Amino acid sequence: DEVARRAGVSKGTLYLYFEGKEALFEAVVRSAIVPRIADAETMLERHDGSAAELLAKLYRLFADVISDPKVSAIPKLVIAEAGNFPDLSRFYLREVVSRGFRLMAAVLERGIARGEFRPVNPVHATRLMIAPVLFVALWRQSLGRHENQPLDPEAFLSDALSTLIDGLAARRPRPVE
């Protein structure tokens, strides 16, 4: 009802274009999130600098994406309804989450190969890299609506990024005296 109202059409008109709520959800994800993931993948391909610099660029992109309340509502909706809509959950996992994990794994592998990052478990590390972004999206759509001092997504992600890069940094052996 709300989608139809915002679009200025009847609910019946929506169903001329979408078979049901699931198809409408997939269209929203494909228009609001998937192109940004494609932008991030292009950024990965074209980046010549350090892995830490690339990670910073990606976090800025993610901060822009999740600053849109309509976009930050999507992960919350998927998580809340995963048990009720398993096909949509698998769709989101395939189209968004898996691509995000592959993207972060590629940054991690690049940093390790170049000696910038220490070797870490890539499965765990990619999830840790995504966790602050997901936290901001979920927080903004839930408890963040009720706090007195709203979370600043850019500042939070900047601090998370700094902590992450410090934790990933390759440890240089200390010289023997």
N, C-alpha and C. Protein backbone atom coordinates (compact mmCIF):
# COMPACT_ATOMS: atom_id res chain seq x y z
N ASP A 1 0.82 -1.19 0.00
CA ASP A 1 0.00 0.00 0.00
C ASP A 1 0.87 1.26 0.00
N GLU A 2 1.91 1.24 0.86
CA GLU A 2 2.77 2.42 0.97
C GLU A 2 3.55 2.66 -0.33
N VAL A 3 4.04 1.59 -0.94
CA VAL A 3 4.77 1.73 -2.20
C VAL A 3 3.86 2.33 -3.26
N ALA A 4 2.66 1.84 -3.36
CA ALA A 4 1.71 2.37 -4.35
C ALA A 4 1.39 3.83 -4.07
N ARG A 5 1.18 4.15 -2.78
CA ARG A 5 0.87 5.53 -2.42
C ARG A 5 2.02 6.46 -2.80
N ARG A 6 3.25 6.06 -2.46
CA ARG A 6 4.41 6.91 -2.78
C ARG A 6 4.63 7.04 -4.28
N ALA A 7 4.30 5.99 -5.01
CA ALA A 7 4.47 6.04 -6.47
C ALA A 7 3.33 6.78 -7.15
N GLY A 8 2.27 7.05 -6.38
CA GLY A 8 1.13 7.77 -6.95
C GLY A 8 0.28 6.91 -7.88
N VAL A 9 0.26 5.61 -7.60
CA VAL A 9 -0.52 4.68 -8.43
C VAL A 9 -1.36 3.79 -7.51
N SER A 10 -2.27 3.07 -8.10
CA SER A 10 -3.06 2.13 -7.31
C SER A 10 -2.24 0.87 -7.06
N LYS A 11 -2.64 0.13 -6.04
CA LYS A 11 -1.96 -1.12 -5.73
C LYS A 11 -2.08 -2.09 -6.91
N GLY A 12 -3.22 -2.08 -7.57
CA GLY A 12 -3.41 -2.94 -8.73
C GLY A 12 -2.45 -2.62 -9.86
N THR A 13 -2.14 -1.33 -10.02
CA THR A 13 -1.20 -0.92 -11.06
C THR A 13 0.19 -1.50 -10.79
N LEU A 14 0.59 -1.52 -9.51
CA LEU A 14 1.89 -2.11 -9.17
C LEU A 14 1.98 -3.54 -9.65
N TYR A 15 0.89 -4.27 -9.48
CA TYR A 15 0.92 -5.69 -9.83
C TYR A 15 0.85 -5.93 -11.34
N LEU A 16 0.65 -4.87 -12.11
CA LEU A 16 0.81 -4.99 -13.56
C LEU A 16 2.29 -5.13 -13.92
N TYR A 17 3.14 -4.57 -13.05
CA TYR A 17 4.58 -4.57 -13.31
C TYR A 17 5.34 -5.59 -12.49
N PHE A 18 4.77 -5.98 -11.35
CA PHE A 18 5.45 -6.93 -10.45
C PHE A 18 4.47 -8.03 -10.08
N GLU A 19 4.94 -9.26 -10.14
CA GLU A 19 4.08 -10.41 -9.85
C GLU A 19 3.61 -10.44 -8.40
N GLY A 20 4.39 -9.88 -7.52
CA GLY A 20 4.03 -9.88 -6.11
C GLY A 20 5.04 -9.08 -5.31
N LYS A 21 4.91 -9.15 -3.98
CA LYS A 21 5.80 -8.40 -3.10
C LYS A 21 7.25 -8.81 -3.28
N GLU A 22 7.46 -10.11 -3.50
CA GLU A 22 8.83 -10.60 -3.66
C GLU A 22 9.49 -9.98 -4.89
N ALA A 23 8.76 -9.92 -6.00
CA ALA A 23 9.31 -9.33 -7.23
C ALA A 23 9.57 -7.84 -7.05
N LEU A 24 8.70 -7.17 -6.31
CA LEU A 24 8.89 -5.75 -6.03
C LEU A 24 10.14 -5.56 -5.18
N PHE A 25 10.31 -6.40 -4.16
CA PHE A 25 11.50 -6.32 -3.31
C PHE A 25 12.77 -6.52 -4.14
N GLU A 26 12.76 -7.54 -5.00
CA GLU A 26 13.94 -7.80 -5.83
C GLU A 26 14.25 -6.60 -6.73
N ALA A 27 13.21 -5.97 -7.26
CA ALA A 27 13.42 -4.79 -8.11
C ALA A 27 14.04 -3.64 -7.31
N VAL A 28 13.59 -3.45 -6.08
CA VAL A 28 14.14 -2.40 -5.23
C VAL A 28 15.62 -2.68 -4.96
N VAL A 29 15.95 -3.91 -4.60
CA VAL A 29 17.34 -4.26 -4.32
C VAL A 29 18.19 -4.07 -5.57
N ARG A 30 17.67 -4.51 -6.70
CA ARG A 30 18.44 -4.38 -7.95
C ARG A 30 18.64 -2.92 -8.36
N SER A 31 17.73 -2.06 -8.00
CA SER A 31 17.89 -0.65 -8.39
C SER A 31 18.63 0.17 -7.34
N ALA A 32 18.49 -0.17 -6.06
CA ALA A 32 19.07 0.66 -5.01
C ALA A 32 20.43 0.18 -4.52
N ILE A 33 20.68 -1.12 -4.54
CA ILE A 33 21.92 -1.65 -3.94
C ILE A 33 22.86 -2.25 -4.97
N VAL A 34 22.35 -3.06 -5.87
CA VAL A 34 23.22 -3.78 -6.81
C VAL A 34 24.10 -2.83 -7.64
N PRO A 35 23.57 -1.71 -8.13
CA PRO A 35 24.47 -0.80 -8.88
C PRO A 35 25.62 -0.26 -8.04
N ARG A 36 25.39 -0.07 -6.75
CA ARG A 36 26.46 0.43 -5.88
C ARG A 36 27.53 -0.65 -5.67
N ILE A 37 27.09 -1.89 -5.62
CA ILE A 37 28.07 -2.99 -5.52
C ILE A 37 28.89 -3.05 -6.80
N ALA A 38 28.22 -2.86 -7.93
CA ALA A 38 28.94 -2.83 -9.21
C ALA A 38 29.95 -1.68 -9.23
N ASP A 39 29.57 -0.52 -8.67
CA ASP A 39 30.51 0.61 -8.57
C ASP A 39 31.73 0.21 -7.74
N ALA A 40 31.48 -0.48 -6.64
CA ALA A 40 32.58 -0.91 -5.77
C ALA A 40 33.47 -1.93 -6.48
N GLU A 41 32.87 -2.82 -7.25
CA GLU A 41 33.67 -3.80 -8.00
C GLU A 41 34.53 -3.10 -9.06
N THR A 42 33.99 -2.09 -9.69
CA THR A 42 34.77 -1.30 -10.66
C THR A 42 35.90 -0.57 -9.95
N MET A 43 35.61 -0.04 -8.78
CA MET A 43 36.62 0.65 -7.99
C MET A 43 37.77 -0.31 -7.67
N LEU A 44 37.44 -1.54 -7.32
CA LEU A 44 38.45 -2.56 -7.03
C LEU A 44 39.33 -2.81 -8.25
N GLU A 45 38.71 -2.98 -9.41
CA GLU A 45 39.45 -3.27 -10.64
C GLU A 45 40.40 -2.15 -11.02
N ARG A 46 40.00 -0.92 -10.80
CA ARG A 46 40.77 0.23 -11.27
C ARG A 46 41.76 0.79 -10.26
N HIS A 47 41.69 0.35 -9.03
CA HIS A 47 42.51 0.94 -7.97
C HIS A 47 43.97 0.50 -8.09
N ASP A 48 44.87 1.49 -8.07
CA ASP A 48 46.30 1.20 -8.16
C ASP A 48 47.04 1.39 -6.83
N GLY A 49 46.38 2.03 -5.87
CA GLY A 49 47.05 2.34 -4.61
C GLY A 49 47.05 1.16 -3.65
N SER A 50 47.22 1.48 -2.39
CA SER A 50 47.31 0.46 -1.36
C SER A 50 45.93 -0.15 -1.09
N ALA A 51 45.96 -1.31 -0.47
CA ALA A 51 44.71 -1.97 -0.08
C ALA A 51 43.99 -1.15 1.00
N ALA A 52 44.76 -0.52 1.88
CA ALA A 52 44.15 0.33 2.92
C ALA A 52 43.43 1.52 2.29
N GLU A 53 44.04 2.12 1.27
CA GLU A 53 43.38 3.24 0.58
C GLU A 53 42.10 2.77 -0.12
N LEU A 54 42.15 1.60 -0.72
CA LEU A 54 40.97 1.04 -1.38
C LEU A 54 39.87 0.77 -0.36
N LEU A 55 40.25 0.21 0.77
CA LEU A 55 39.27 -0.04 1.81
C LEU A 55 38.62 1.26 2.28
N ALA A 56 39.41 2.32 2.39
CA ALA A 56 38.87 3.63 2.78
C ALA A 56 37.88 4.14 1.74
N LYS A 57 38.20 3.98 0.46
CA LYS A 57 37.28 4.41 -0.60
C LYS A 57 35.98 3.62 -0.53
N LEU A 58 36.10 2.33 -0.31
CA LEU A 58 34.90 1.48 -0.22
C LEU A 58 34.04 1.87 0.98
N TYR A 59 34.66 2.14 2.11
CA TYR A 59 33.89 2.54 3.28
C TYR A 59 33.17 3.87 3.04
N ARG A 60 33.80 4.79 2.32
CA ARG A 60 33.12 6.06 1.98
C ARG A 60 31.92 5.79 1.08
N LEU A 61 32.09 4.89 0.11
CA LEU A 61 30.98 4.51 -0.76
C LEU A 61 29.86 3.89 0.07
N PHE A 62 30.21 2.98 0.97
CA PHE A 62 29.20 2.33 1.82
C PHE A 62 28.50 3.35 2.70
N ALA A 63 29.26 4.32 3.23
CA ALA A 63 28.65 5.36 4.08
C ALA A 63 27.62 6.15 3.28
N ASP A 64 27.93 6.45 2.02
CA ASP A 64 26.97 7.15 1.16
C ASP A 64 25.72 6.31 0.94
N VAL A 65 25.91 5.02 0.69
CA VAL A 65 24.78 4.14 0.41
C VAL A 65 23.87 4.03 1.63
N ILE A 66 24.45 3.79 2.79
CA ILE A 66 23.61 3.59 3.97
C ILE A 66 23.09 4.90 4.56
N SER A 67 23.55 6.03 4.05
CA SER A 67 22.98 7.30 4.53
C SER A 67 21.56 7.49 4.02
N ASP A 68 21.19 6.73 3.00
CA ASP A 68 19.82 6.77 2.50
C ASP A 68 18.96 5.86 3.37
N PRO A 69 18.01 6.42 4.14
CA PRO A 69 17.20 5.59 5.04
C PRO A 69 16.43 4.49 4.32
N LYS A 70 16.07 4.71 3.07
CA LYS A 70 15.34 3.68 2.34
C LYS A 70 16.24 2.48 2.05
N VAL A 71 17.50 2.74 1.80
CA VAL A 71 18.45 1.67 1.52
C VAL A 71 18.84 0.97 2.83
N SER A 72 19.07 1.74 3.89
CA SER A 72 19.49 1.11 5.15
C SER A 72 18.37 0.27 5.76
N ALA A 73 17.15 0.47 5.31
CA ALA A 73 16.03 -0.35 5.81
C ALA A 73 16.05 -1.75 5.22
N ILE A 74 16.68 -1.93 4.08
CA ILE A 74 16.64 -3.22 3.39
C ILE A 74 17.31 -4.33 4.19
N PRO A 75 18.54 -4.15 4.70
CA PRO A 75 19.14 -5.25 5.48
C PRO A 75 18.30 -5.61 6.71
N LYS A 76 17.75 -4.61 7.36
CA LYS A 76 16.91 -4.89 8.54
C LYS A 76 15.71 -5.73 8.14
N LEU A 77 15.08 -5.37 7.05
CA LEU A 77 13.92 -6.11 6.57
C LEU A 77 14.29 -7.55 6.22
N VAL A 78 15.41 -7.72 5.53
CA VAL A 78 15.83 -9.07 5.14
C VAL A 78 16.12 -9.92 6.37
N ILE A 79 16.84 -9.36 7.33
CA ILE A 79 17.17 -10.12 8.54
C ILE A 79 15.90 -10.46 9.33
N ALA A 80 15.02 -9.49 9.47
CA ALA A 80 13.80 -9.72 10.25
C ALA A 80 12.89 -10.76 9.60
N GLU A 81 12.88 -10.81 8.27
CA GLU A 81 11.93 -11.66 7.56
C GLU A 81 12.57 -12.90 6.92
N ALA A 82 13.84 -13.17 7.25
CA ALA A 82 14.55 -14.29 6.61
C ALA A 82 13.82 -15.62 6.79
N GLY A 83 13.26 -15.86 7.95
CA GLY A 83 12.56 -17.11 8.18
C GLY A 83 11.24 -17.21 7.44
N ASN A 84 10.60 -16.07 7.21
CA ASN A 84 9.30 -16.06 6.53
C ASN A 84 9.41 -16.06 5.02
N PHE A 85 10.54 -15.54 4.51
CA PHE A 85 10.73 -15.43 3.07
C PHE A 85 12.10 -15.99 2.68
N PRO A 86 12.26 -17.30 2.74
CA PRO A 86 13.59 -17.88 2.48
C PRO A 86 14.08 -17.63 1.06
N ASP A 87 13.18 -17.57 0.08
CA ASP A 87 13.63 -17.31 -1.30
C ASP A 87 14.19 -15.90 -1.43
N LEU A 88 13.56 -14.93 -0.76
CA LEU A 88 14.09 -13.57 -0.79
C LEU A 88 15.41 -13.48 -0.05
N SER A 89 15.53 -14.24 1.01
CA SER A 89 16.80 -14.26 1.75
C SER A 89 17.92 -14.81 0.88
N ARG A 90 17.63 -15.89 0.16
CA ARG A 90 18.64 -16.46 -0.74
C ARG A 90 18.97 -15.47 -1.87
N PHE A 91 17.97 -14.79 -2.39
CA PHE A 91 18.19 -13.78 -3.42
C PHE A 91 19.14 -12.70 -2.88
N TYR A 92 18.86 -12.17 -1.70
CA TYR A 92 19.68 -11.12 -1.11
C TYR A 92 21.09 -11.62 -0.81
N LEU A 93 21.16 -12.83 -0.33
CA LEU A 93 22.47 -13.44 -0.07
C LEU A 93 23.29 -13.53 -1.35
N ARG A 94 22.65 -13.94 -2.43
CA ARG A 94 23.34 -14.10 -3.72
C ARG A 94 23.69 -12.74 -4.35
N GLU A 95 22.72 -11.84 -4.41
CA GLU A 95 22.90 -10.58 -5.14
C GLU A 95 23.67 -9.51 -4.39
N VAL A 96 23.61 -9.55 -3.06
CA VAL A 96 24.23 -8.48 -2.27
C VAL A 96 25.34 -9.02 -1.37
N VAL A 97 24.98 -9.90 -0.46
CA VAL A 97 25.93 -10.34 0.57
C VAL A 97 27.13 -11.07 -0.04
N SER A 98 26.89 -12.05 -0.89
CA SER A 98 28.01 -12.80 -1.47
C SER A 98 28.92 -11.91 -2.29
N ARG A 99 28.35 -11.00 -3.03
CA ARG A 99 29.18 -10.07 -3.81
C ARG A 99 29.99 -9.17 -2.89
N GLY A 100 29.38 -8.72 -1.80
CA GLY A 100 30.11 -7.90 -0.83
C GLY A 100 31.25 -8.67 -0.19
N PHE A 101 31.00 -9.93 0.15
CA PHE A 101 32.06 -10.75 0.72
C PHE A 101 33.20 -10.96 -0.28
N ARG A 102 32.86 -11.23 -1.54
CA ARG A 102 33.91 -11.42 -2.56
C ARG A 102 34.72 -10.15 -2.74
N LEU A 103 34.05 -9.03 -2.72
CA LEU A 103 34.73 -7.74 -2.87
C LEU A 103 35.71 -7.52 -1.73
N MET A 104 35.25 -7.71 -0.52
CA MET A 104 36.13 -7.50 0.63
C MET A 104 37.25 -8.54 0.66
N ALA A 105 36.96 -9.77 0.27
CA ALA A 105 38.00 -10.80 0.23
C ALA A 105 39.08 -10.40 -0.77
N ALA A 106 38.69 -9.82 -1.89
CA ALA A 106 39.67 -9.39 -2.89
C ALA A 106 40.57 -8.29 -2.35
N VAL A 107 40.00 -7.35 -1.60
CA VAL A 107 40.80 -6.29 -0.99
C VAL A 107 41.76 -6.90 0.02
N LEU A 108 41.25 -7.81 0.83
CA LEU A 108 42.07 -8.48 1.83
C LEU A 108 43.21 -9.25 1.18
N GLU A 109 42.90 -10.04 0.16
CA GLU A 109 43.93 -10.82 -0.54
C GLU A 109 44.98 -9.92 -1.15
N ARG A 110 44.55 -8.79 -1.73
CA ARG A 110 45.50 -7.85 -2.31
C ARG A 110 46.43 -7.31 -1.23
N GLY A 111 45.87 -6.93 -0.09
CA GLY A 111 46.70 -6.40 0.99
C GLY A 111 47.67 -7.43 1.54
N ILE A 112 47.23 -8.67 1.65
CA ILE A 112 48.11 -9.74 2.14
C ILE A 112 49.22 -10.00 1.12
N ALA A 113 48.86 -10.09 -0.16
CA ALA A 113 49.85 -10.37 -1.21
C ALA A 113 50.91 -9.27 -1.29
N ARG A 114 50.53 -8.05 -1.01
CA ARG A 114 51.47 -6.93 -1.07
C ARG A 114 52.24 -6.72 0.23
N GLY A 115 51.93 -7.52 1.24
CA GLY A 115 52.61 -7.39 2.52
C GLY A 115 52.07 -6.27 3.39
N GLU A 116 50.96 -5.66 3.00
CA GLU A 116 50.36 -4.59 3.81
C GLU A 116 49.61 -5.17 5.00
N PHE A 117 48.93 -6.28 4.76
CA PHE A 117 48.11 -6.92 5.79
C PHE A 117 48.74 -8.24 6.19
N ARG A 118 48.56 -8.59 7.42
CA ARG A 118 49.04 -9.88 7.90
C ARG A 118 48.07 -10.97 7.44
N PRO A 119 48.54 -12.19 7.30
CA PRO A 119 47.63 -13.27 6.92
C PRO A 119 46.58 -13.49 8.02
N VAL A 120 45.33 -13.54 7.61
CA VAL A 120 44.22 -13.76 8.53
C VAL A 120 43.24 -14.72 7.89
N ASN A 121 42.34 -15.25 8.67
CA ASN A 121 41.29 -16.12 8.14
C ASN A 121 40.39 -15.26 7.25
N PRO A 122 40.36 -15.52 5.94
CA PRO A 122 39.60 -14.64 5.04
C PRO A 122 38.09 -14.68 5.28
N VAL A 123 37.56 -15.81 5.70
CA VAL A 123 36.12 -15.88 5.96
C VAL A 123 35.75 -14.98 7.13
N HIS A 124 36.51 -15.07 8.20
CA HIS A 124 36.22 -14.24 9.37
C HIS A 124 36.51 -12.77 9.07
N ALA A 125 37.63 -12.49 8.44
CA ALA A 125 38.03 -11.11 8.20
C ALA A 125 37.06 -10.37 7.29
N THR A 126 36.55 -11.04 6.25
CA THR A 126 35.61 -10.35 5.36
C THR A 126 34.34 -10.00 6.11
N ARG A 127 33.91 -10.87 7.00
CA ARG A 127 32.72 -10.56 7.79
C ARG A 127 32.98 -9.41 8.76
N LEU A 128 34.18 -9.38 9.33
CA LEU A 128 34.54 -8.26 10.20
C LEU A 128 34.61 -6.95 9.43
N MET A 129 35.03 -7.02 8.18
CA MET A 129 35.11 -5.82 7.34
C MET A 129 33.71 -5.28 7.03
N ILE A 130 32.75 -6.16 6.86
CA ILE A 130 31.37 -5.77 6.53
C ILE A 130 30.58 -5.38 7.78
N ALA A 131 30.93 -5.94 8.91
CA ALA A 131 30.14 -5.77 10.14
C ALA A 131 29.85 -4.31 10.50
N PRO A 132 30.81 -3.40 10.45
CA PRO A 132 30.49 -2.01 10.82
C PRO A 132 29.45 -1.38 9.89
N VAL A 133 29.51 -1.72 8.62
CA VAL A 133 28.54 -1.18 7.66
C VAL A 133 27.14 -1.71 7.97
N LEU A 134 27.06 -3.00 8.22
CA LEU A 134 25.77 -3.60 8.56
C LEU A 134 25.26 -3.04 9.89
N PHE A 135 26.15 -2.86 10.85
CA PHE A 135 25.74 -2.29 12.14
C PHE A 135 25.09 -0.92 11.94
N VAL A 136 25.73 -0.06 11.16
CA VAL A 136 25.18 1.28 10.95
C VAL A 136 23.80 1.20 10.32
N ALA A 137 23.65 0.35 9.31
CA ALA A 137 22.35 0.22 8.65
C ALA A 137 21.29 -0.25 9.65
N LEU A 138 21.60 -1.27 10.44
CA LEU A 138 20.63 -1.80 11.40
C LEU A 138 20.35 -0.80 12.52
N TRP A 139 21.38 -0.16 13.01
CA TRP A 139 21.22 0.79 14.10
C TRP A 139 20.32 1.95 13.69
N ARG A 140 20.56 2.47 12.50
CA ARG A 140 19.76 3.61 12.04
C ARG A 140 18.28 3.27 11.93
N GLN A 141 17.98 2.02 11.63
CA GLN A 141 16.59 1.61 11.43
C GLN A 141 15.94 1.06 12.70
N SER A 142 16.67 1.02 13.81
CA SER A 142 16.10 0.44 15.02
C SER A 142 16.35 1.35 16.22
N LEU A 143 17.30 1.00 17.04
CA LEU A 143 17.55 1.74 18.28
C LEU A 143 18.04 3.16 18.03
N GLY A 144 18.69 3.38 16.93
CA GLY A 144 19.19 4.71 16.61
C GLY A 144 18.10 5.76 16.49
N ARG A 145 16.90 5.33 16.19
CA ARG A 145 15.77 6.26 16.09
C ARG A 145 15.37 6.84 17.44
N HIS A 146 15.85 6.22 18.52
CA HIS A 146 15.41 6.61 19.85
C HIS A 146 16.53 7.16 20.72
N GLU A 147 17.73 7.26 20.18
CA GLU A 147 18.84 7.76 21.00
C GLU A 147 18.92 9.28 20.93
N ASN A 148 19.50 9.87 21.97
CA ASN A 148 19.60 11.32 22.04
C ASN A 148 20.69 11.88 21.14
N GLN A 149 21.77 11.14 20.98
CA GLN A 149 22.87 11.58 20.13
C GLN A 149 22.95 10.62 18.95
N PRO A 150 22.39 11.01 17.81
CA PRO A 150 22.38 10.10 16.66
C PRO A 150 23.80 9.72 16.22
N LEU A 151 23.91 8.51 15.76
CA LEU A 151 25.17 8.00 15.25
C LEU A 151 25.52 8.71 13.95
N ASP A 152 26.76 9.16 13.86
CA ASP A 152 27.26 9.76 12.63
C ASP A 152 27.89 8.64 11.82
N PRO A 153 27.22 8.16 10.75
CA PRO A 153 27.73 7.02 10.01
C PRO A 153 29.15 7.22 9.47
N GLU A 154 29.44 8.40 8.95
CA GLU A 154 30.77 8.62 8.38
C GLU A 154 31.84 8.57 9.45
N ALA A 155 31.60 9.19 10.60
CA ALA A 155 32.59 9.19 11.68
C ALA A 155 32.75 7.79 12.25
N PHE A 156 31.63 7.09 12.42
CA PHE A 156 31.70 5.72 12.94
C PHE A 156 32.49 4.83 12.00
N LEU A 157 32.18 4.89 10.70
CA LEU A 157 32.88 4.04 9.75
C LEU A 157 34.34 4.43 9.62
N SER A 158 34.65 5.70 9.79
CA SER A 158 36.04 6.14 9.76
C SER A 158 36.81 5.52 10.94
N ASP A 159 36.21 5.54 12.11
CA ASP A 159 36.84 4.93 13.28
C ASP A 159 36.95 3.41 13.12
N ALA A 160 35.90 2.79 12.59
CA ALA A 160 35.92 1.35 12.35
C ALA A 160 37.02 0.99 11.36
N LEU A 161 37.13 1.79 10.31
CA LEU A 161 38.16 1.56 9.29
C LEU A 161 39.56 1.67 9.88
N SER A 162 39.78 2.68 10.68
CA SER A 162 41.09 2.87 11.31
C SER A 162 41.43 1.67 12.19
N THR A 163 40.48 1.23 12.97
CA THR A 163 40.69 0.07 13.84
C THR A 163 40.95 -1.18 13.02
N LEU A 164 40.19 -1.35 11.96
CA LEU A 164 40.34 -2.52 11.09
C LEU A 164 41.72 -2.53 10.42
N ILE A 165 42.13 -1.42 9.87
CA ILE A 165 43.42 -1.35 9.19
C ILE A 165 44.56 -1.58 10.18
N ASP A 166 44.46 -1.00 11.38
CA ASP A 166 45.48 -1.24 12.40
C ASP A 166 45.56 -2.72 12.76
N GLY A 167 44.40 -3.37 12.85
CA GLY A 167 44.36 -4.79 13.19
C GLY A 167 44.88 -5.69 12.08
N LEU A 168 44.71 -5.26 10.84
CA LEU A 168 45.17 -6.05 9.69
C LEU A 168 46.64 -5.81 9.35
N ALA A 169 47.18 -4.68 9.82
CA ALA A 169 48.53 -4.29 9.42
C ALA A 169 49.53 -5.41 9.66
N ALA A 170 50.39 -5.59 8.67
CA ALA A 170 51.46 -6.59 8.79
C ALA A 170 52.39 -6.16 9.91
N ARG A 171 52.73 -7.08 10.72
CA ARG A 171 53.63 -6.81 11.84
C ARG A 171 55.07 -6.94 11.35
N ARG A 172 55.83 -5.91 11.56
CA ARG A 172 57.24 -5.94 11.19
C ARG A 172 58.05 -6.48 12.36
N PRO A 173 58.94 -7.40 12.08
CA PRO A 173 59.77 -7.91 13.20
C PRO A 173 60.62 -6.78 13.77
N ARG A 174 60.77 -6.80 15.07
CA ARG A 174 61.60 -5.80 15.72
C ARG A 174 63.07 -6.16 15.52
N PRO A 175 63.88 -5.16 15.25
CA PRO A 175 65.32 -5.46 15.08
C PRO A 175 65.94 -5.98 16.38
N VAL A 176 66.84 -6.92 16.24
CA VAL A 176 67.54 -7.48 17.39
C VAL A 176 68.63 -6.51 17.79
N GLU A 177 68.69 -6.21 19.07
CA GLU A 177 69.70 -5.24 19.55
C GLU A 177 70.91 -5.93 20.09
